[in-house]
Structures are given as structure tokens and as C-alpha cells.
Amino acid sequence: MGTRLGTLIYSFILASWVILASGTQHYQESKELPLNIEEAHLETKKSKRATDFATDEQTGLFLPADSPEDSDVGPAGGDASDLPTCLLCVCLTGSVYCEEVDPDMTSVPALPKETAYLYARYNKIKKLSQKDFGDIVTLKRIDLTGNLISEIEDGAFSKLTLLEELTLAENQLVRLPMLPTKLTSFSANHNRLKTKGVKATAFKKLTKLRSLFLAHNELEAVPMIPESVRTLHIQNNNISTVNVDTFCKSNDTYYIRPNLNEIRMDGNPVILAQYPNSFTCLQSLPIGRYQ
């Protein structure tokens, strides 16, 4: 009896242990299943990204950075003329801004056909030729301040019939070319202009000219100033005399100049008080030395 009871107890314990072990294994497998599914999902996503990258690269939708073969910037140390204008400059509707361009800009760049305003200040442009603006008849304003321009071909501005403002300040000019007749403002301050390089009639046909700036040059005489001019800056030159007909008319003592109300002649060796008849037609006396 005792032996049977012991065997029964042993069998019961063994069966319980087997059932418990099976349940534990099932629990562990069910617990690990979501993890395996998540890992498989991540692997699928990685594989898809790799496939998409390859597809985009083949179709050109994705372009690797810093690819020297496809670069548009040209060789290091190259000249600005090797590059498209609107890559070097800021091109807006009708306006082109090329200021302090790097690499050095040594000539006027090819401009978009409908350019009205060009700002190419503080570069290293040395010369203006007929071809620079020949096709851009829409230009209304050109500013080339702070370049190295020492030569301008006579026909450089001949086709610019709409040009109103021209600035050539801070260059190395010794003479002026023929200027567009519709100019309202012209500046050649801080150049090397000499009297023989500026014809006496250089501005005669500019009947719409309002502002004329020729300060800080080497002029020895005042050129003929159109009656339309309101502001004349010709200070810091080498002017030593003033002709009666410079501003007034020697054959008309009643003539009053209607527009010219600001004349700067300071910084010249001329003593203005020695030429009283030269200013009788003016509404205000020039700024300069009187004794």
C-alpha cells in the first residue's frame, strides 16, 4: 500500500512538472514573437531606403554633394569670365548686382538681354569696349564705381539710348568718351581726368543732365555746362581761372541762369573773388576760395 501511494505521488509530481515546463516555454516563445516581427520590419525599412536611394541616384533626383565632376564653380583661382553671370552675380528682374566678385571680375560680364540696372562696383574691370553693352539697349543705369577702368572706347555707350545714370567714380580715367545724350546724372569723381581728356563740349548735347560730378581729378578748366544742370561738383582739381562764359553769357548782361544752384569749387587754386563777372548770372555763388 505504501509503495503504491509513493508511486502515485511521484507520478503526480512528474506530470505537474512537465505541464509547468511546457507552459513556460510557450510563454517565452509568445513573448519573443513581437520582437522578431519588429526586427523584421526594421530590416524591411532599411532595405527599402537603400533601394530608394539607388533609384533616386539613377534618376538624378538625388545628387551627391561635393561632386567635382558635376561642379559649376570652375577651377580654383579661375577668372570670373569662365562662369555664368548669374552664378557670379545676383540677378533679379531687370537688375544685375556684381559687387566685389570673387574670383576677380576683370571685364563687364555678359548681361541678360533685358537688363535695365547694372551694379558692378569694386571689381577689377580695366576697360570698356563697344561690345560690352552693344546688345543691351534696355540699360537705364550703370554703376562701375571702384574698378580699374583706364580706357573706354568711343562707341561703348553709343547704343544706350535709354541710359539715364552713369557712374564711373573711383577709376583711372584720363579722358572721357562720347556720352549718351539722355543722361540725367553723370559721375567721374576720383579719376585722373585732365582738361585735354575732357572736350570743352563733352556735355553740351546732354540737355537733360541734372547732376554732374567731376571732383578729385586733374582738370585745369571748367568744361561747358548745360543749362539743365542743377548740381555741379568740381572741387579738388587744378582749376586756376574761370572764364566769363563758363556759367554766364558775356554778350547778355541780363541773362540769369535758371537751374544751377549748387557749385562746389573748393580745393582748387582759383581765387573766385578775382572773377566777379563770371558769377553775375547765378542765383547763388560757388563754394570755394574768395581770398
C-alpha atoms as a PDB file:
ATOM      1  CA  MET A   1       0.000   0.000   0.000  1.00  0.00           C
ATOM      2  CA  GLY A   2       2.768   2.387   0.928  1.00  0.00           C
ATOM      3  CA  THR A   3       4.674   1.604  -2.241  1.00  0.00           C
ATOM      4  CA  ARG A   4       1.609   2.319  -4.441  1.00  0.00           C
ATOM      5  CA  LEU A   5       0.984   5.595  -2.689  1.00  0.00           C
ATOM      6  CA  GLY A   6       4.588   6.727  -3.200  1.00  0.00           C
ATOM      7  CA  THR A   7       4.440   5.810  -6.876  1.00  0.00           C
ATOM      8  CA  LEU A   8       1.203   7.766  -7.317  1.00  0.00           C
ATOM      9  CA  ILE A   9       2.636  10.854  -5.644  1.00  0.00           C
ATOM     10  CA  TYR A  10       5.777  10.656  -7.763  1.00  0.00           C
ATOM     11  CA  SER A  11       3.719  10.370 -10.969  1.00  0.00           C
ATOM     12  CA  PHE A  12       1.586  13.358  -9.977  1.00  0.00           C
ATOM     13  CA  ILE A  13       4.669  15.492  -9.290  1.00  0.00           C
ATOM     14  CA  LEU A  14       6.278  14.482 -12.595  1.00  0.00           C
ATOM     15  CA  ALA A  15       3.144  15.309 -14.581  1.00  0.00           C
ATOM     16  CA  SER A  16       2.865  18.731 -12.929  1.00  0.00           C
ATOM     17  CA  TRP A  17       6.494  19.493 -13.711  1.00  0.00           C
ATOM     18  CA  VAL A  18       6.034  18.564 -17.424  1.00  0.00           C
ATOM     19  CA  ILE A  19       2.923  20.766 -17.711  1.00  0.00           C
ATOM     20  CA  LEU A  20       4.675  23.665 -15.984  1.00  0.00           C
ATOM     21  CA  ALA A  21       7.730  23.393 -18.243  1.00  0.00           C
ATOM     22  CA  SER A  22       5.581  23.361 -21.379  1.00  0.00           C
ATOM     23  CA  GLY A  23       3.712  26.489 -20.258  1.00  0.00           C
ATOM     24  CA  THR A  24       6.940  28.358 -19.554  1.00  0.00           C
ATOM     25  CA  GLN A  25       8.359  27.523 -22.986  1.00  0.00           C
ATOM     26  CA  HIS A  26       5.117  28.662 -24.681  1.00  0.00           C
ATOM     27  CA  TYR A  27       5.160  31.912 -22.692  1.00  0.00           C
ATOM     28  CA  GLN A  28       8.756  32.665 -23.680  1.00  0.00           C
ATOM     29  CA  GLU A  29       8.039  31.986 -27.348  1.00  0.00           C
ATOM     30  CA  SER A  30       4.964  34.224 -27.285  1.00  0.00           C
ATOM     31  CA  LYS A  31       6.953  36.969 -25.568  1.00  0.00           C
ATOM     32  CA  GLU A  32       9.749  36.914 -28.157  1.00  0.00           C
ATOM     33  CA  LEU A  33       7.436  36.892 -31.178  1.00  0.00           C
ATOM     34  CA  PRO A  34       6.693  40.672 -31.331  1.00  0.00           C
ATOM     35  CA  LEU A  35      10.412  41.420 -31.029  1.00  0.00           C
ATOM     36  CA  ASN A  36      11.201  39.226 -34.012  1.00  0.00           C
ATOM     37  CA  ILE A  37       8.414  40.872 -36.011  1.00  0.00           C
ATOM     38  CA  GLU A  38       9.720  44.361 -35.164  1.00  0.00           C
ATOM     39  CA  GLU A  39      13.243  43.404 -36.175  1.00  0.00           C
ATOM     40  CA  ALA A  40      11.965  42.038 -39.447  1.00  0.00           C
ATOM     41  CA  HIS A  41      10.013  45.274 -40.035  1.00  0.00           C
ATOM     42  CA  LEU A  42      13.089  47.431 -39.417  1.00  0.00           C
ATOM     43  CA  GLU A  43      15.156  45.311 -41.755  1.00  0.00           C
ATOM     44  CA  THR A  44      12.485  45.756 -44.429  1.00  0.00           C
ATOM     45  CA  LYS A  45      12.534  49.551 -43.984  1.00  0.00           C
ATOM     46  CA  LYS A  46      16.340  49.642 -44.239  1.00  0.00           C
ATOM     47  CA  SER A  47      16.221  47.597 -47.387  1.00  0.00           C
ATOM     48  CA  LYS A  48      13.562  49.919 -48.875  1.00  0.00           C
ATOM     49  CA  ARG A  49      15.610  53.021 -48.079  1.00  0.00           C
ATOM     50  CA  ALA A  50      18.639  51.514 -49.769  1.00  0.00           C
ATOM     51  CA  THR A  51      16.544  50.682 -52.815  1.00  0.00           C
ATOM     52  CA  ASP A  52      15.024  54.191 -52.911  1.00  0.00           C
ATOM     53  CA  PHE A  53      18.480  55.782 -52.661  1.00  0.00           C
ATOM     54  CA  ALA A  54      19.712  53.712 -55.586  1.00  0.00           C
ATOM     55  CA  THR A  55      16.614  54.605 -57.602  1.00  0.00           C
ATOM     56  CA  ASP A  56      16.903  58.320 -56.873  1.00  0.00           C
ATOM     57  CA  GLU A  57      20.597  58.305 -57.695  1.00  0.00           C
ATOM     58  CA  GLN A  58      19.903  56.630 -61.035  1.00  0.00           C
ATOM     59  CA  THR A  59      17.081  59.029 -61.943  1.00  0.00           C
ATOM     60  CA  GLY A  60      19.021  62.144 -60.904  1.00  0.00           C
ATOM     61  CA  LEU A  61      16.549  63.175 -58.180  1.00  0.00           C
ATOM     62  CA  PHE A  62      19.290  62.885 -55.587  1.00  0.00           C
ATOM     63  CA  LEU A  63      22.631  64.478 -56.303  1.00  0.00           C
ATOM     64  CA  PRO A  64      25.605  63.702 -54.052  1.00  0.00           C
ATOM     65  CA  ALA A  65      27.230  66.817 -52.548  1.00  0.00           C
ATOM     66  CA  ASP A  66      30.711  67.999 -53.460  1.00  0.00           C
ATOM     67  CA  SER A  67      30.949  66.117 -56.715  1.00  0.00           C
ATOM     68  CA  PRO A  68      33.841  67.727 -58.591  1.00  0.00           C
ATOM     69  CA  GLU A  69      32.812  66.272 -61.927  1.00  0.00           C
ATOM     70  CA  ASP A  70      29.416  67.988 -61.837  1.00  0.00           C
ATOM     71  CA  SER A  71      30.529  71.237 -60.174  1.00  0.00           C
ATOM     72  CA  ASP A  72      29.709  74.550 -61.868  1.00  0.00           C
ATOM     73  CA  VAL A  73      32.136  76.672 -59.905  1.00  0.00           C
ATOM     74  CA  GLY A  74      35.111  76.139 -62.181  1.00  0.00           C
ATOM     75  CA  PRO A  75      38.743  75.684 -61.237  1.00  0.00           C
ATOM     76  CA  ALA A  76      40.148  77.271 -58.116  1.00  0.00           C
ATOM     77  CA  GLY A  77      41.720  80.613 -58.843  1.00  0.00           C
ATOM     78  CA  GLY A  78      39.965  80.897 -62.230  1.00  0.00           C
ATOM     79  CA  ASP A  79      38.773  84.111 -63.806  1.00  0.00           C
ATOM     80  CA  ALA A  80      35.188  85.305 -63.369  1.00  0.00           C
ATOM     81  CA  SER A  81      34.732  85.278 -67.157  1.00  0.00           C
ATOM     82  CA  ASP A  82      34.723  81.469 -67.008  1.00  0.00           C
ATOM     83  CA  LEU A  83      31.459  81.445 -65.068  1.00  0.00           C
ATOM     84  CA  PRO A  84      27.838  82.275 -65.961  1.00  0.00           C
ATOM     85  CA  THR A  85      26.942  85.854 -64.982  1.00  0.00           C
ATOM     86  CA  CYS A  86      24.032  84.919 -62.738  1.00  0.00           C
ATOM     87  CA  LEU A  87      26.206  82.427 -60.862  1.00  0.00           C
ATOM     88  CA  LEU A  88      28.703  85.173 -60.019  1.00  0.00           C
ATOM     89  CA  CYS A  89      26.174  87.954 -59.552  1.00  0.00           C
ATOM     90  CA  VAL A  90      22.719  88.458 -58.113  1.00  0.00           C
ATOM     91  CA  CYS A  91      20.242  88.622 -60.976  1.00  0.00           C
ATOM     92  CA  LEU A  92      16.799  89.991 -60.235  1.00  0.00           C
ATOM     93  CA  THR A  93      14.153  91.082 -62.698  1.00  0.00           C
ATOM     94  CA  GLY A  94      15.875  93.754 -64.770  1.00  0.00           C
ATOM     95  CA  SER A  95      18.772  94.210 -62.305  1.00  0.00           C
ATOM     96  CA  VAL A  96      22.230  92.644 -62.059  1.00  0.00           C
ATOM     97  CA  TYR A  97      24.396  93.101 -58.942  1.00  0.00           C
ATOM     98  CA  CYS A  98      28.073  92.136 -59.368  1.00  0.00           C
ATOM     99  CA  GLU A  99      29.837  93.697 -56.409  1.00  0.00           C
ATOM    100  CA  GLU A 100      33.250  92.565 -55.115  1.00  0.00           C
ATOM    101  CA  VAL A 101      33.081  89.391 -57.172  1.00  0.00           C
ATOM    102  CA  ASP A 102      35.383  86.515 -56.275  1.00  0.00           C
ATOM    103  CA  PRO A 103      37.202  85.305 -58.386  1.00  0.00           C
ATOM    104  CA  ASP A 104      38.245  88.681 -59.807  1.00  0.00           C
ATOM    105  CA  MET A 105      35.979  90.225 -62.434  1.00  0.00           C
ATOM    106  CA  THR A 106      38.251  91.956 -64.974  1.00  0.00           C
ATOM    107  CA  SER A 107      35.690  92.757 -67.679  1.00  0.00           C
ATOM    108  CA  VAL A 108      31.985  93.511 -67.960  1.00  0.00           C
ATOM    109  CA  PRO A 109      30.108  90.190 -67.795  1.00  0.00           C
ATOM    110  CA  ALA A 110      27.607  89.053 -70.409  1.00  0.00           C
ATOM    111  CA  LEU A 111      24.290  90.513 -69.266  1.00  0.00           C
ATOM    112  CA  PRO A 112      20.762  89.129 -69.580  1.00  0.00           C
ATOM    113  CA  LYS A 113      19.005  90.710 -72.567  1.00  0.00           C
ATOM    114  CA  GLU A 114      16.525  92.795 -70.582  1.00  0.00           C
ATOM    115  CA  THR A 115      18.922  94.253 -68.009  1.00  0.00           C
ATOM    116  CA  ALA A 116      17.957  97.800 -67.001  1.00  0.00           C
ATOM    117  CA  TYR A 117      20.224  98.299 -63.967  1.00  0.00           C
ATOM    118  CA  LEU A 118      23.833  97.129 -63.659  1.00  0.00           C
ATOM    119  CA  TYR A 119      25.809  97.500 -60.432  1.00  0.00           C
ATOM    120  CA  ALA A 120      29.367  96.188 -60.891  1.00  0.00           C
ATOM    121  CA  ARG A 121      31.134  98.097 -58.135  1.00  0.00           C
ATOM    122  CA  TYR A 122      34.522  97.339 -56.582  1.00  0.00           C
ATOM    123  CA  ASN A 123      35.844  94.807 -59.040  1.00  0.00           C
ATOM    124  CA  LYS A 124      38.909  94.855 -61.316  1.00  0.00           C
ATOM    125  CA  ILE A 125      37.369  95.833 -64.641  1.00  0.00           C
ATOM    126  CA  LYS A 126      40.063  97.559 -66.714  1.00  0.00           C
ATOM    127  CA  LYS A 127      38.435  98.519 -69.991  1.00  0.00           C
ATOM    128  CA  LEU A 128      35.022  99.184 -71.540  1.00  0.00           C
ATOM    129  CA  SER A 129      34.598  98.217 -75.185  1.00  0.00           C
ATOM    130  CA  GLN A 130      31.843  98.618 -77.763  1.00  0.00           C
ATOM    131  CA  LYS A 131      30.743  95.001 -77.401  1.00  0.00           C
ATOM    132  CA  ASP A 132      30.206  95.220 -73.619  1.00  0.00           C
ATOM    133  CA  PHE A 133      26.839  96.980 -73.872  1.00  0.00           C
ATOM    134  CA  GLY A 134      26.170  96.686 -77.607  1.00  0.00           C
ATOM    135  CA  ASP A 135      23.160  94.359 -77.288  1.00  0.00           C
ATOM    136  CA  ILE A 136      21.731  95.660 -74.003  1.00  0.00           C
ATOM    137  CA  VAL A 137      19.743  98.646 -75.236  1.00  0.00           C
ATOM    138  CA  THR A 138      17.423  98.469 -72.204  1.00  0.00           C
ATOM    139  CA  LEU A 139      20.048  99.785 -69.764  1.00  0.00           C
ATOM    140  CA  LYS A 140      18.943 102.795 -67.706  1.00  0.00           C
ATOM    141  CA  ARG A 141      21.609 102.830 -65.003  1.00  0.00           C
ATOM    142  CA  ILE A 142      25.233 101.682 -64.896  1.00  0.00           C
ATOM    143  CA  ASP A 143      27.375 101.920 -61.767  1.00  0.00           C
ATOM    144  CA  LEU A 144      31.034 100.894 -62.160  1.00  0.00           C
ATOM    145  CA  THR A 145      32.413 102.627 -59.069  1.00  0.00           C
ATOM    146  CA  GLY A 146      35.735 101.384 -57.711  1.00  0.00           C
ATOM    147  CA  ASN A 147      37.191  99.472 -60.629  1.00  0.00           C
ATOM    148  CA  LEU A 148      40.467  99.873 -62.557  1.00  0.00           C
ATOM    149  CA  ILE A 149      38.994 101.357 -65.735  1.00  0.00           C
ATOM    150  CA  SER A 150      41.603 103.374 -67.625  1.00  0.00           C
ATOM    151  CA  GLU A 151      40.187 103.123 -71.135  1.00  0.00           C
ATOM    152  CA  ILE A 152      36.719 103.437 -72.656  1.00  0.00           C
ATOM    153  CA  GLU A 153      36.190 103.003 -76.383  1.00  0.00           C
ATOM    154  CA  ASP A 154      34.306 105.888 -78.002  1.00  0.00           C
ATOM    155  CA  GLY A 155      31.374 103.712 -79.039  1.00  0.00           C
ATOM    156  CA  ALA A 156      30.998 101.935 -75.700  1.00  0.00           C
ATOM    157  CA  PHE A 157      27.756 103.784 -74.830  1.00  0.00           C
ATOM    158  CA  SER A 158      26.581 104.709 -78.329  1.00  0.00           C
ATOM    159  CA  LYS A 159      23.614 102.306 -78.414  1.00  0.00           C
ATOM    160  CA  LEU A 160      22.376 103.044 -74.894  1.00  0.00           C
ATOM    161  CA  THR A 161      19.616 105.458 -75.861  1.00  0.00           C
ATOM    162  CA  LEU A 162      17.722 104.888 -72.578  1.00  0.00           C
ATOM    163  CA  LEU A 163      20.692 105.339 -70.235  1.00  0.00           C
ATOM    164  CA  GLU A 164      19.954 107.988 -67.588  1.00  0.00           C
ATOM    165  CA  GLU A 165      22.565 107.434 -64.870  1.00  0.00           C
ATOM    166  CA  LEU A 166      26.231 106.593 -65.387  1.00  0.00           C
ATOM    167  CA  THR A 167      28.747 106.335 -62.553  1.00  0.00           C
ATOM    168  CA  LEU A 168      32.451 105.846 -63.290  1.00  0.00           C
ATOM    169  CA  ALA A 169      33.777 107.144 -59.957  1.00  0.00           C
ATOM    170  CA  GLU A 170      36.973 105.822 -58.380  1.00  0.00           C
ATOM    171  CA  ASN A 171      38.625 104.552 -61.528  1.00  0.00           C
ATOM    172  CA  GLN A 172      41.738 105.555 -63.508  1.00  0.00           C
ATOM    173  CA  LEU A 173      40.281 107.510 -66.422  1.00  0.00           C
ATOM    174  CA  VAL A 174      42.351 110.244 -68.095  1.00  0.00           C
ATOM    175  CA  ARG A 175      39.781 111.010 -70.789  1.00  0.00           C
ATOM    176  CA  LEU A 176      36.042 110.713 -71.345  1.00  0.00           C
ATOM    177  CA  PRO A 177      34.341 109.037 -74.307  1.00  0.00           C
ATOM    178  CA  MET A 178      31.206 110.250 -76.052  1.00  0.00           C
ATOM    179  CA  LEU A 179      28.352 110.100 -73.554  1.00  0.00           C
ATOM    180  CA  PRO A 180      24.673 109.164 -74.095  1.00  0.00           C
ATOM    181  CA  THR A 181      22.524 112.256 -74.666  1.00  0.00           C
ATOM    182  CA  LYS A 182      19.725 111.248 -72.268  1.00  0.00           C
ATOM    183  CA  LEU A 183      21.894 111.187 -69.160  1.00  0.00           C
ATOM    184  CA  THR A 184      20.411 112.915 -66.127  1.00  0.00           C
ATOM    185  CA  SER A 185      23.312 112.095 -63.803  1.00  0.00           C
ATOM    186  CA  PHE A 186      26.999 111.526 -64.531  1.00  0.00           C
ATOM    187  CA  SER A 187      29.795 110.926 -62.030  1.00  0.00           C
ATOM    188  CA  ALA A 188      33.509 110.606 -62.685  1.00  0.00           C
ATOM    189  CA  ASN A 189      34.739 111.630 -59.234  1.00  0.00           C
ATOM    190  CA  HIS A 190      38.155 110.383 -58.138  1.00  0.00           C
ATOM    191  CA  ASN A 191      39.748 109.670 -61.500  1.00  0.00           C
ATOM    192  CA  ARG A 192      42.748 111.170 -63.328  1.00  0.00           C
ATOM    193  CA  LEU A 193      40.852 113.329 -65.791  1.00  0.00           C
ATOM    194  CA  LYS A 194      42.839 116.128 -67.405  1.00  0.00           C
ATOM    195  CA  THR A 195      41.496 119.095 -69.347  1.00  0.00           C
ATOM    196  CA  LYS A 196      42.828 117.717 -72.625  1.00  0.00           C
ATOM    197  CA  GLY A 197      40.958 114.467 -71.949  1.00  0.00           C
ATOM    198  CA  VAL A 198      37.592 116.204 -71.498  1.00  0.00           C
ATOM    199  CA  LYS A 199      36.458 118.129 -74.542  1.00  0.00           C
ATOM    200  CA  ALA A 200      35.023 121.578 -73.839  1.00  0.00           C
ATOM    201  CA  THR A 201      31.801 120.431 -75.489  1.00  0.00           C
ATOM    202  CA  ALA A 202      31.761 116.980 -73.858  1.00  0.00           C
ATOM    203  CA  PHE A 203      28.462 117.738 -72.052  1.00  0.00           C
ATOM    204  CA  LYS A 204      26.964 120.253 -74.485  1.00  0.00           C
ATOM    205  CA  LYS A 205      24.437 117.852 -76.025  1.00  0.00           C
ATOM    206  CA  LEU A 206      23.345 116.396 -72.683  1.00  0.00           C
ATOM    207  CA  THR A 207      20.278 118.628 -72.440  1.00  0.00           C
ATOM    208  CA  LYS A 208      18.646 116.528 -69.683  1.00  0.00           C
ATOM    209  CA  LEU A 209      21.668 116.403 -67.398  1.00  0.00           C
ATOM    210  CA  ARG A 210      20.824 117.432 -63.828  1.00  0.00           C
ATOM    211  CA  SER A 211      23.840 116.326 -61.772  1.00  0.00           C
ATOM    212  CA  LEU A 212      27.490 116.436 -62.852  1.00  0.00           C
ATOM    213  CA  PHE A 213      30.261 115.190 -60.563  1.00  0.00           C
ATOM    214  CA  LEU A 214      33.897 115.696 -61.623  1.00  0.00           C
ATOM    215  CA  ALA A 215      35.550 116.186 -58.225  1.00  0.00           C
ATOM    216  CA  HIS A 216      39.029 114.926 -57.313  1.00  0.00           C
ATOM    217  CA  ASN A 217      40.555 114.947 -60.782  1.00  0.00           C
ATOM    218  CA  GLU A 218      43.278 116.975 -62.554  1.00  0.00           C
ATOM    219  CA  LEU A 219      41.133 119.418 -64.547  1.00  0.00           C
ATOM    220  CA  GLU A 220      42.554 122.882 -65.167  1.00  0.00           C
ATOM    221  CA  ALA A 221      39.368 124.442 -66.562  1.00  0.00           C
ATOM    222  CA  VAL A 222      35.625 124.084 -66.178  1.00  0.00           C
ATOM    223  CA  PRO A 223      34.047 122.434 -69.246  1.00  0.00           C
ATOM    224  CA  MET A 224      30.885 123.814 -70.835  1.00  0.00           C
ATOM    225  CA  ILE A 225      27.961 123.095 -68.507  1.00  0.00           C
ATOM    226  CA  PRO A 226      24.459 122.515 -69.990  1.00  0.00           C
ATOM    227  CA  GLU A 227      21.748 124.843 -68.694  1.00  0.00           C
ATOM    228  CA  SER A 228      19.813 121.854 -67.373  1.00  0.00           C
ATOM    229  CA  VAL A 229      22.471 121.136 -64.705  1.00  0.00           C
ATOM    230  CA  ARG A 230      21.429 121.897 -61.138  1.00  0.00           C
ATOM    231  CA  THR A 231      24.344 120.412 -59.200  1.00  0.00           C
ATOM    232  CA  LEU A 232      27.991 120.732 -60.222  1.00  0.00           C
ATOM    233  CA  HIS A 233      30.790 119.269 -58.105  1.00  0.00           C
ATOM    234  CA  ILE A 234      34.217 120.113 -59.484  1.00  0.00           C
ATOM    235  CA  GLN A 235      36.135 120.569 -56.246  1.00  0.00           C
ATOM    236  CA  ASN A 236      39.699 119.381 -55.666  1.00  0.00           C
ATOM    237  CA  ASN A 237      41.008 119.849 -59.190  1.00  0.00           C
ATOM    238  CA  ASN A 238      43.679 122.185 -60.609  1.00  0.00           C
ATOM    239  CA  ILE A 239      41.365 124.971 -61.798  1.00  0.00           C
ATOM    240  CA  SER A 240      43.100 128.358 -61.603  1.00  0.00           C
ATOM    241  CA  THR A 241      40.838 130.611 -63.722  1.00  0.00           C
ATOM    242  CA  VAL A 242      37.147 130.992 -64.544  1.00  0.00           C
ATOM    243  CA  ASN A 243      36.032 132.325 -67.910  1.00  0.00           C
ATOM    244  CA  VAL A 244      33.171 134.836 -68.170  1.00  0.00           C
ATOM    245  CA  ASP A 245      31.280 132.405 -70.375  1.00  0.00           C
ATOM    246  CA  THR A 246      31.830 129.420 -68.092  1.00  0.00           C
ATOM    247  CA  PHE A 247      28.494 129.942 -66.337  1.00  0.00           C
ATOM    248  CA  CYS A 248      27.122 133.168 -67.810  1.00  0.00           C
ATOM    249  CA  LYS A 249      26.923 134.867 -71.208  1.00  0.00           C
ATOM    250  CA  SER A 250      29.315 137.684 -71.932  1.00  0.00           C
ATOM    251  CA  ASN A 251      27.028 139.041 -74.669  1.00  0.00           C
ATOM    252  CA  ASP A 252      23.930 139.126 -72.441  1.00  0.00           C
ATOM    253  CA  THR A 253      24.313 141.027 -69.195  1.00  0.00           C
ATOM    254  CA  TYR A 254      20.672 140.376 -68.283  1.00  0.00           C
ATOM    255  CA  TYR A 255      20.941 136.621 -68.539  1.00  0.00           C
ATOM    256  CA  ILE A 256      20.029 134.684 -65.377  1.00  0.00           C
ATOM    257  CA  ARG A 257      20.922 131.013 -65.219  1.00  0.00           C
ATOM    258  CA  PRO A 258      17.692 129.278 -64.135  1.00  0.00           C
ATOM    259  CA  ASN A 259      18.754 125.940 -62.651  1.00  0.00           C
ATOM    260  CA  LEU A 260      22.324 125.851 -61.375  1.00  0.00           C
ATOM    261  CA  ASN A 261      22.033 126.320 -57.612  1.00  0.00           C
ATOM    262  CA  GLU A 262      24.939 124.259 -56.236  1.00  0.00           C
ATOM    263  CA  ILE A 263      28.518 124.676 -57.431  1.00  0.00           C
ATOM    264  CA  ARG A 264      31.442 123.319 -55.458  1.00  0.00           C
ATOM    265  CA  MET A 265      34.822 124.665 -56.461  1.00  0.00           C
ATOM    266  CA  ASP A 266      36.623 124.385 -53.136  1.00  0.00           C
ATOM    267  CA  GLY A 267      40.019 122.701 -53.175  1.00  0.00           C
ATOM    268  CA  ASN A 268      41.070 124.464 -56.395  1.00  0.00           C
ATOM    269  CA  PRO A 269      43.836 127.104 -56.607  1.00  0.00           C
ATOM    270  CA  VAL A 270      41.473 129.661 -58.204  1.00  0.00           C
ATOM    271  CA  ILE A 271      40.554 132.739 -56.135  1.00  0.00           C
ATOM    272  CA  LEU A 272      36.934 133.272 -57.093  1.00  0.00           C
ATOM    273  CA  ALA A 273      36.802 136.913 -55.973  1.00  0.00           C
ATOM    274  CA  GLN A 274      39.070 137.794 -58.897  1.00  0.00           C
ATOM    275  CA  TYR A 275      36.342 136.820 -61.392  1.00  0.00           C
ATOM    276  CA  PRO A 276      33.182 138.644 -60.216  1.00  0.00           C
ATOM    277  CA  ASN A 277      31.697 138.921 -63.714  1.00  0.00           C
ATOM    278  CA  SER A 278      31.754 135.151 -64.072  1.00  0.00           C
ATOM    279  CA  PHE A 279      29.012 134.647 -61.472  1.00  0.00           C
ATOM    280  CA  THR A 280      26.593 137.534 -62.045  1.00  0.00           C
ATOM    281  CA  CYS A 281      24.030 135.269 -63.690  1.00  0.00           C
ATOM    282  CA  LEU A 282      23.972 132.763 -60.838  1.00  0.00           C
ATOM    283  CA  GLN A 283      21.355 132.677 -58.109  1.00  0.00           C
ATOM    284  CA  SER A 284      23.961 131.530 -55.567  1.00  0.00           C
ATOM    285  CA  LEU A 285      27.739 131.902 -55.502  1.00  0.00           C
ATOM    286  CA  PRO A 286      30.024 128.857 -55.880  1.00  0.00           C
ATOM    287  CA  ILE A 287      31.617 127.310 -52.806  1.00  0.00           C
ATOM    288  CA  GLY A 288      35.373 127.957 -52.868  1.00  0.00           C
ATOM    289  CA  ARG A 289      38.226 130.372 -52.120  1.00  0.00           C
ATOM    290  CA  TYR A 290      37.444 134.078 -52.314  1.00  0.00           C
ATOM    291  CA  GLN A 291      40.697 135.435 -50.849  1.00  0.00           C
END
